[in-house]
Amino acid sequence: MDTVGERLCALRKAVLFTQQELADRMGCRWRTDVAKLESGWLKCSLASTRRRLARAVGVPLDPLDRYLEGNLSLDDLLERRIVVDELEAP
């Protein structure tokens, strides 16, 4: 995987979320927000976006940043995952 969007898509699929489920957990209004992040049309560079993403998938922010930058494998990131059934609103 080369792009942040591709890595984001792989992470979403690994945690078995649809784009809508991830959008809901991130506090986004539309599924298309996640689709735009995955396609690279929107950048996932804002700290607030990455914090919401980390919380939505249940991983610490630092390993998520390293994963999205290509410096940590998906398997290593998922080892740090804490599954939370009900997340509070962002």
N, C-alpha and C. Protein backbone atom coordinates (compact mmCIF):
# COMPACT_ATOMS: atom_id res chain seq x y z
N MET A 1 0.84 -1.18 0.00
CA MET A 1 0.00 0.00 0.00
C MET A 1 0.88 1.24 0.00
N ASP A 2 0.52 2.18 -0.83
CA ASP A 2 1.36 3.35 -0.97
C ASP A 2 0.79 4.61 -0.35
N THR A 3 -0.50 4.79 -0.40
CA THR A 3 -1.07 6.06 0.02
C THR A 3 -1.74 5.96 1.38
N VAL A 4 -1.90 7.11 2.01
CA VAL A 4 -2.62 7.17 3.28
C VAL A 4 -4.04 6.65 3.10
N GLY A 5 -4.67 7.03 2.01
CA GLY A 5 -6.03 6.58 1.73
C GLY A 5 -6.14 5.07 1.61
N GLU A 6 -5.18 4.46 0.94
CA GLU A 6 -5.18 3.00 0.81
C GLU A 6 -4.98 2.34 2.16
N ARG A 7 -4.11 2.92 2.98
CA ARG A 7 -3.89 2.36 4.31
C ARG A 7 -5.13 2.53 5.18
N LEU A 8 -5.79 3.68 5.06
CA LEU A 8 -7.04 3.91 5.80
C LEU A 8 -8.10 2.89 5.39
N CYS A 9 -8.25 2.66 4.10
CA CYS A 9 -9.22 1.68 3.60
C CYS A 9 -8.90 0.28 4.14
N ALA A 10 -7.63 -0.10 4.13
CA ALA A 10 -7.24 -1.41 4.64
C ALA A 10 -7.56 -1.53 6.13
N LEU A 11 -7.32 -0.46 6.89
CA LEU A 11 -7.63 -0.47 8.31
C LEU A 11 -9.12 -0.60 8.54
N ARG A 12 -9.90 0.16 7.80
CA ARG A 12 -11.37 0.09 7.95
C ARG A 12 -11.87 -1.33 7.68
N LYS A 13 -11.37 -1.93 6.63
CA LYS A 13 -11.80 -3.29 6.29
C LYS A 13 -11.32 -4.30 7.32
N ALA A 14 -10.14 -4.08 7.88
CA ALA A 14 -9.59 -5.01 8.88
C ALA A 14 -10.42 -5.01 10.16
N VAL A 15 -11.01 -3.87 10.50
CA VAL A 15 -11.84 -3.81 11.70
C VAL A 15 -13.32 -4.05 11.37
N LEU A 16 -13.56 -4.43 10.11
CA LEU A 16 -14.89 -4.85 9.65
C LEU A 16 -15.95 -3.75 9.74
N PHE A 17 -15.54 -2.52 9.41
CA PHE A 17 -16.48 -1.41 9.36
C PHE A 17 -16.81 -1.09 7.91
N THR A 18 -18.05 -0.71 7.69
CA THR A 18 -18.40 -0.12 6.40
C THR A 18 -17.96 1.34 6.45
N GLN A 19 -17.98 2.00 5.31
CA GLN A 19 -17.65 3.42 5.31
C GLN A 19 -18.64 4.19 6.19
N GLN A 20 -19.91 3.81 6.16
CA GLN A 20 -20.91 4.50 6.97
C GLN A 20 -20.65 4.29 8.46
N GLU A 21 -20.30 3.07 8.85
CA GLU A 21 -20.01 2.80 10.27
C GLU A 21 -18.82 3.62 10.76
N LEU A 22 -17.78 3.70 9.93
CA LEU A 22 -16.62 4.48 10.32
C LEU A 22 -16.98 5.96 10.39
N ALA A 23 -17.73 6.43 9.42
CA ALA A 23 -18.16 7.83 9.43
C ALA A 23 -18.95 8.14 10.70
N ASP A 24 -19.87 7.25 11.06
CA ASP A 24 -20.67 7.46 12.27
C ASP A 24 -19.79 7.51 13.51
N ARG A 25 -18.84 6.61 13.60
CA ARG A 25 -17.96 6.55 14.78
C ARG A 25 -17.01 7.74 14.84
N MET A 26 -16.70 8.31 13.68
CA MET A 26 -15.83 9.48 13.64
C MET A 26 -16.60 10.78 13.84
N GLY A 27 -17.92 10.69 13.80
CA GLY A 27 -18.73 11.89 13.93
C GLY A 27 -18.89 12.66 12.63
N CYS A 28 -18.69 11.98 11.52
CA CYS A 28 -18.87 12.61 10.21
C CYS A 28 -20.34 12.52 9.82
N ARG A 29 -20.79 13.48 9.06
CA ARG A 29 -22.20 13.47 8.64
C ARG A 29 -22.47 12.45 7.53
N TRP A 30 -21.49 12.24 6.68
CA TRP A 30 -21.75 11.46 5.47
C TRP A 30 -20.70 10.36 5.29
N ARG A 31 -21.15 9.24 4.72
CA ARG A 31 -20.26 8.15 4.34
C ARG A 31 -19.25 8.65 3.33
N THR A 32 -19.66 9.59 2.50
CA THR A 32 -18.76 10.09 1.47
C THR A 32 -17.53 10.79 2.04
N ASP A 33 -17.61 11.28 3.28
CA ASP A 33 -16.42 11.86 3.91
C ASP A 33 -15.32 10.81 4.03
N VAL A 34 -15.70 9.61 4.44
CA VAL A 34 -14.72 8.51 4.55
C VAL A 34 -14.26 8.10 3.16
N ALA A 35 -15.18 8.03 2.21
CA ALA A 35 -14.81 7.68 0.83
C ALA A 35 -13.80 8.68 0.27
N LYS A 36 -13.99 9.96 0.57
CA LYS A 36 -13.06 10.99 0.09
C LYS A 36 -11.69 10.86 0.76
N LEU A 37 -11.67 10.51 2.03
CA LEU A 37 -10.39 10.28 2.71
C LEU A 37 -9.67 9.09 2.10
N GLU A 38 -10.42 8.02 1.85
CA GLU A 38 -9.81 6.81 1.27
C GLU A 38 -9.31 7.04 -0.15
N SER A 39 -9.99 7.87 -0.90
CA SER A 39 -9.58 8.12 -2.28
C SER A 39 -8.46 9.14 -2.38
N GLY A 40 -8.20 9.85 -1.28
CA GLY A 40 -7.17 10.88 -1.32
C GLY A 40 -7.70 12.25 -1.70
N TRP A 41 -8.99 12.34 -2.00
CA TRP A 41 -9.59 13.62 -2.36
C TRP A 41 -9.55 14.57 -1.17
N LEU A 42 -9.78 14.04 0.04
CA LEU A 42 -9.58 14.79 1.28
C LEU A 42 -8.33 14.24 1.94
N LYS A 43 -7.54 15.09 2.53
CA LYS A 43 -6.33 14.66 3.21
C LYS A 43 -6.63 14.30 4.66
N CYS A 44 -5.95 13.29 5.15
CA CYS A 44 -6.11 12.83 6.53
C CYS A 44 -4.95 13.38 7.36
N SER A 45 -4.64 14.67 7.16
CA SER A 45 -3.47 15.24 7.81
C SER A 45 -3.81 16.06 9.05
N LEU A 46 -5.05 16.47 9.20
CA LEU A 46 -5.43 17.25 10.37
C LEU A 46 -5.37 16.40 11.63
N ALA A 47 -4.81 16.96 12.68
CA ALA A 47 -4.70 16.23 13.94
C ALA A 47 -6.07 15.83 14.46
N SER A 48 -7.06 16.69 14.30
CA SER A 48 -8.40 16.37 14.80
C SER A 48 -9.00 15.18 14.04
N THR A 49 -8.75 15.09 12.76
CA THR A 49 -9.25 13.96 11.96
C THR A 49 -8.58 12.67 12.42
N ARG A 50 -7.29 12.72 12.62
CA ARG A 50 -6.56 11.52 13.05
C ARG A 50 -6.97 11.11 14.46
N ARG A 51 -7.22 12.07 15.34
CA ARG A 51 -7.69 11.72 16.69
C ARG A 51 -9.05 11.03 16.63
N ARG A 52 -9.95 11.56 15.82
CA ARG A 52 -11.28 10.94 15.68
C ARG A 52 -11.18 9.55 15.07
N LEU A 53 -10.29 9.39 14.10
CA LEU A 53 -10.07 8.09 13.47
C LEU A 53 -9.51 7.10 14.48
N ALA A 54 -8.51 7.51 15.25
CA ALA A 54 -7.92 6.62 16.25
C ALA A 54 -8.97 6.16 17.24
N ARG A 55 -9.76 7.08 17.71
CA ARG A 55 -10.81 6.74 18.67
C ARG A 55 -11.85 5.81 18.05
N ALA A 56 -12.21 6.08 16.80
CA ALA A 56 -13.24 5.29 16.12
C ALA A 56 -12.83 3.83 15.96
N VAL A 57 -11.56 3.59 15.68
CA VAL A 57 -11.11 2.21 15.46
C VAL A 57 -10.45 1.61 16.69
N GLY A 58 -10.31 2.42 17.75
CA GLY A 58 -9.83 1.89 19.02
C GLY A 58 -8.33 1.66 19.10
N VAL A 59 -7.56 2.57 18.50
CA VAL A 59 -6.10 2.46 18.58
C VAL A 59 -5.52 3.76 19.11
N PRO A 60 -4.35 3.70 19.76
CA PRO A 60 -3.69 4.94 20.19
C PRO A 60 -3.28 5.79 18.99
N LEU A 61 -3.22 7.09 19.20
CA LEU A 61 -2.92 8.02 18.11
C LEU A 61 -1.52 7.84 17.53
N ASP A 62 -0.51 7.70 18.36
CA ASP A 62 0.86 7.59 17.85
C ASP A 62 1.05 6.40 16.90
N PRO A 63 0.61 5.19 17.29
CA PRO A 63 0.74 4.07 16.33
C PRO A 63 -0.09 4.29 15.07
N LEU A 64 -1.26 4.92 15.20
CA LEU A 64 -2.06 5.20 14.01
C LEU A 64 -1.29 6.12 13.07
N ASP A 65 -0.70 7.18 13.61
CA ASP A 65 0.09 8.09 12.78
C ASP A 65 1.21 7.34 12.07
N ARG A 66 1.92 6.49 12.81
CA ARG A 66 3.02 5.74 12.21
C ARG A 66 2.50 4.80 11.11
N TYR A 67 1.34 4.17 11.35
CA TYR A 67 0.75 3.29 10.33
C TYR A 67 0.37 4.08 9.07
N LEU A 68 -0.32 5.20 9.26
CA LEU A 68 -0.75 5.98 8.10
C LEU A 68 0.44 6.53 7.32
N GLU A 69 1.55 6.78 8.00
CA GLU A 69 2.76 7.26 7.33
C GLU A 69 3.57 6.12 6.70
N GLY A 70 3.15 4.88 6.92
CA GLY A 70 3.84 3.74 6.34
C GLY A 70 4.98 3.20 7.18
N ASN A 71 5.03 3.61 8.45
CA ASN A 71 6.13 3.19 9.32
C ASN A 71 5.73 2.13 10.34
N LEU A 72 4.55 1.58 10.22
CA LEU A 72 4.07 0.52 11.11
C LEU A 72 3.12 -0.35 10.28
N SER A 73 3.21 -1.65 10.46
CA SER A 73 2.35 -2.55 9.69
C SER A 73 0.93 -2.55 10.25
N LEU A 74 0.00 -2.96 9.43
CA LEU A 74 -1.39 -3.06 9.88
C LEU A 74 -1.51 -4.06 11.02
N ASP A 75 -0.83 -5.18 10.92
CA ASP A 75 -0.87 -6.18 12.00
C ASP A 75 -0.36 -5.61 13.31
N ASP A 76 0.73 -4.85 13.25
CA ASP A 76 1.27 -4.24 14.47
C ASP A 76 0.31 -3.21 15.05
N LEU A 77 -0.36 -2.46 14.18
CA LEU A 77 -1.35 -1.50 14.65
C LEU A 77 -2.51 -2.20 15.33
N LEU A 78 -3.00 -3.26 14.70
CA LEU A 78 -4.17 -3.96 15.25
C LEU A 78 -3.86 -4.65 16.58
N GLU A 79 -2.59 -4.98 16.82
CA GLU A 79 -2.21 -5.55 18.12
C GLU A 79 -2.44 -4.55 19.25
N ARG A 80 -2.47 -3.27 18.92
CA ARG A 80 -2.65 -2.22 19.92
C ARG A 80 -4.12 -1.82 20.08
N ARG A 81 -4.99 -2.49 19.34
CA ARG A 81 -6.40 -2.11 19.32
C ARG A 81 -7.12 -2.50 20.61
N ILE A 82 -7.94 -1.57 21.07
CA ILE A 82 -8.83 -1.79 22.21
C ILE A 82 -10.24 -1.67 21.67
N VAL A 83 -10.99 -2.75 21.73
CA VAL A 83 -12.34 -2.74 21.17
C VAL A 83 -13.30 -2.18 22.21
N VAL A 84 -14.06 -1.20 21.78
CA VAL A 84 -15.06 -0.57 22.64
C VAL A 84 -16.40 -0.69 21.91
N ASP A 85 -17.37 -1.32 22.55
CA ASP A 85 -18.66 -1.52 21.91
C ASP A 85 -19.40 -0.20 21.66
N GLU A 86 -19.51 0.60 22.69
CA GLU A 86 -20.23 1.86 22.57
C GLU A 86 -19.25 3.02 22.75
N LEU A 87 -19.10 3.81 21.73
CA LEU A 87 -18.22 4.97 21.82
C LEU A 87 -19.06 6.20 22.08
N GLU A 88 -18.53 7.09 22.88
CA GLU A 88 -19.20 8.35 23.11
C GLU A 88 -19.06 9.20 21.86
N ALA A 89 -19.94 10.16 21.73
CA ALA A 89 -19.85 11.07 20.58
C ALA A 89 -18.52 11.81 20.62
N PRO A 90 -17.94 12.09 19.44
CA PRO A 90 -16.65 12.78 19.39
C PRO A 90 -16.73 14.19 19.96
